[in-house]
Protein backbone atom coordinates (compact mmCIF):
# COMPACT_ATOMS: atom_id res chain seq x y z
CA UNK A 1 109.35 81.06 65.51
CA UNK A 2 106.44 83.43 66.75
CA UNK A 3 106.91 85.18 70.21
CA UNK A 4 104.63 85.04 72.72
CA UNK A 5 102.25 88.07 73.23
CA UNK A 6 101.23 88.77 76.83
CA UNK A 7 98.13 90.88 77.06
CA UNK A 8 98.88 92.79 80.48
CA UNK A 9 96.58 95.58 81.33
CA UNK A 10 97.60 99.27 81.34
CA UNK A 11 97.09 100.73 84.78
CA UNK A 12 98.62 103.39 87.02
CA UNK A 13 99.04 103.33 90.58
CA UNK A 14 95.95 105.53 91.42
CA UNK A 15 93.70 103.04 89.01
CA UNK A 16 94.91 100.06 90.79
CA UNK A 17 94.12 101.60 94.27
CA UNK A 18 90.62 102.56 93.29
CA UNK A 19 89.75 99.11 91.55
CA UNK A 20 91.14 97.27 94.52
CA UNK A 21 88.92 99.61 96.93
CA UNK A 22 85.91 98.57 94.65
CA UNK A 23 86.58 94.90 94.90
CA UNK A 24 87.28 94.89 98.73
CA UNK A 25 84.11 96.64 99.54
CA UNK A 26 82.84 93.80 101.91
CA UNK A 27 79.87 94.40 104.25
CA UNK A 28 80.51 97.11 107.04
CA UNK A 29 83.87 98.02 105.87
CA UNK A 30 84.73 101.70 104.88
CA UNK A 31 87.25 101.46 102.05
CA UNK A 32 89.62 104.50 101.12
CA UNK A 33 91.64 104.17 98.08
CA UNK A 34 93.88 107.29 99.25
CA UNK A 35 95.31 108.42 102.29
CA UNK A 36 92.82 109.42 105.07
CA UNK A 37 94.31 110.79 108.32
CA UNK A 38 91.32 110.00 110.49
CA UNK A 39 88.95 107.19 108.97
CA UNK A 40 85.64 106.02 110.57
CA UNK A 41 86.30 102.27 111.45
CA UNK A 42 86.25 99.76 110.69
CA UNK A 43 88.26 100.91 107.86
CA UNK A 44 90.67 99.66 105.14
CA UNK A 45 92.94 102.25 103.76
CA UNK A 46 94.84 101.35 100.19
CA UNK A 47 98.22 102.42 100.34
CA UNK A 48 101.66 101.50 98.65
CA UNK A 49 103.90 99.43 100.54
CA UNK A 50 106.58 101.77 102.37
CA UNK A 51 109.90 99.85 101.19
CA UNK A 52 108.96 99.30 97.64
CA UNK A 53 106.10 100.78 95.63
CA UNK A 54 106.76 99.01 92.28
CA UNK A 55 109.15 96.60 90.68
CA UNK A 56 109.83 95.97 86.93
CA UNK A 57 108.67 92.70 85.49
CA UNK A 58 109.94 90.79 82.94
CA UNK A 59 107.22 90.72 80.66
CA UNK A 60 107.61 93.73 78.09
CA UNK A 61 107.52 96.65 80.65
CA UNK A 62 105.24 95.46 82.99
CA UNK A 63 105.28 96.63 86.36
CA UNK A 64 104.48 94.90 89.85
CA UNK A 65 102.94 97.37 92.10
CA UNK A 66 103.28 96.58 95.90
CA UNK A 67 100.30 97.61 97.71
CA UNK A 68 99.28 97.33 101.24
CA UNK A 69 95.67 97.51 102.85
CA UNK A 70 95.91 98.69 106.15
CA UNK A 71 92.91 97.50 108.27
CA UNK A 72 91.76 99.38 111.04
CA UNK A 73 89.23 98.79 113.84
CA UNK A 74 88.48 100.25 117.29
CA UNK A 75 91.05 99.76 120.08
CA UNK A 76 88.65 98.77 122.95
CA UNK A 77 89.07 96.80 126.12
CA UNK A 78 86.49 94.23 124.79
CA UNK A 79 86.91 91.46 122.17
CA UNK A 80 84.40 92.59 119.82
CA UNK A 81 86.90 94.65 117.86
CA UNK A 82 88.90 91.62 117.39
CA UNK A 83 86.25 89.27 116.18
CA UNK A 84 85.54 91.98 113.45
CA UNK A 85 89.21 92.07 112.39
CA UNK A 86 89.20 88.45 112.20
CA UNK A 87 86.29 88.22 109.91
CA UNK A 88 88.04 90.42 107.45
CA UNK A 89 90.88 88.28 107.71
CA UNK A 90 89.09 85.02 107.25
CA UNK A 91 89.87 83.10 103.97
CA UNK A 92 86.25 82.75 103.05
CA UNK A 93 82.89 84.34 103.90
CA UNK A 94 81.18 87.43 102.79
CA UNK A 95 83.71 89.81 105.14
CA UNK A 96 86.73 88.16 103.81
CA UNK A 97 89.03 90.39 101.93
CA UNK A 98 91.05 87.51 100.76
CA UNK A 99 88.00 85.84 99.36
CA UNK A 100 87.06 89.38 97.62
CA UNK A 101 90.49 89.51 95.86
CA UNK A 102 90.54 85.70 95.00
CA UNK A 103 87.07 86.18 93.32
CA UNK A 104 88.28 89.07 91.39
CA UNK A 105 92.06 88.91 90.73
CA UNK A 106 92.01 91.38 87.82
CA UNK A 107 90.11 94.08 89.58
CA UNK A 108 87.36 94.16 87.32
CA UNK A 109 89.82 94.40 84.54
CA UNK A 110 92.27 96.96 85.88
CA UNK A 111 95.05 94.53 86.06
CA UNK A 112 96.36 91.71 84.91
CA UNK A 113 96.13 89.95 88.44
CA UNK A 114 96.19 90.97 92.02
CA UNK A 115 97.75 88.40 94.59
CA UNK A 116 97.46 88.59 98.36
CA UNK A 117 101.23 87.87 99.49
CA UNK A 118 100.83 88.00 103.14
CA UNK A 119 98.99 89.41 106.06
CA UNK A 120 101.22 91.11 108.78
CA UNK A 121 101.28 93.46 111.94
CA UNK A 122 98.36 92.07 113.62
CA UNK A 123 97.47 93.98 116.67
CA UNK A 124 97.91 97.64 117.81
CA UNK A 125 98.31 99.65 114.99
CA UNK A 126 99.05 103.44 115.09
CA UNK A 127 97.44 105.50 112.09
CA UNK A 128 98.12 109.21 112.22
CA UNK A 129 98.81 109.36 115.75
CA UNK A 130 95.73 107.28 116.79
CA UNK A 131 95.75 103.69 118.17
CA UNK A 132 93.58 100.93 116.53
CA UNK A 133 93.55 97.34 116.45
CA UNK A 134 94.42 96.39 113.18
CA UNK A 135 96.25 94.39 110.47
CA UNK A 136 97.92 94.78 107.18
CA UNK A 137 97.56 93.11 103.94
CA UNK A 138 100.54 93.08 101.53
CA UNK A 139 99.42 92.74 97.96
CA UNK A 140 101.26 92.49 94.68
CA UNK A 141 99.54 93.62 91.31
CA UNK A 142 100.90 93.05 87.82
CA UNK A 143 99.89 95.64 85.17
CA UNK A 144 101.54 97.38 82.31
CA UNK A 145 102.41 100.95 82.19
CA UNK A 146 99.84 103.53 81.21
């Protein structure tokens, strides 16, 4: 009996962050694949999830990387920032981060798949001591080790 062969792509955490940044570059959003202490808004910063960065997968040494996209907008008294954040959170449309990931789940071939698990922390977000209106996308990316 022949065993199954799983063709997972080899990727590092850095490569995955960079590929995800390219995929979610929707109109008007400044995307940073690395830490940025004072990003110009609206901005998305791709960052490992704080509690678990990676997990072993059962498929021949593959890794599941746990990534978050921290979405930041201006913290203002009017509703324009909220409307902008909502457009990035939409499930469809040209500004939808979710739709961008769904349309390119292999992140241009950098991984086997990327899955948007949840959207959390909508509202006041503090980043490097500055208040923003924001939200966080939690993503799982499956890839083999480099």
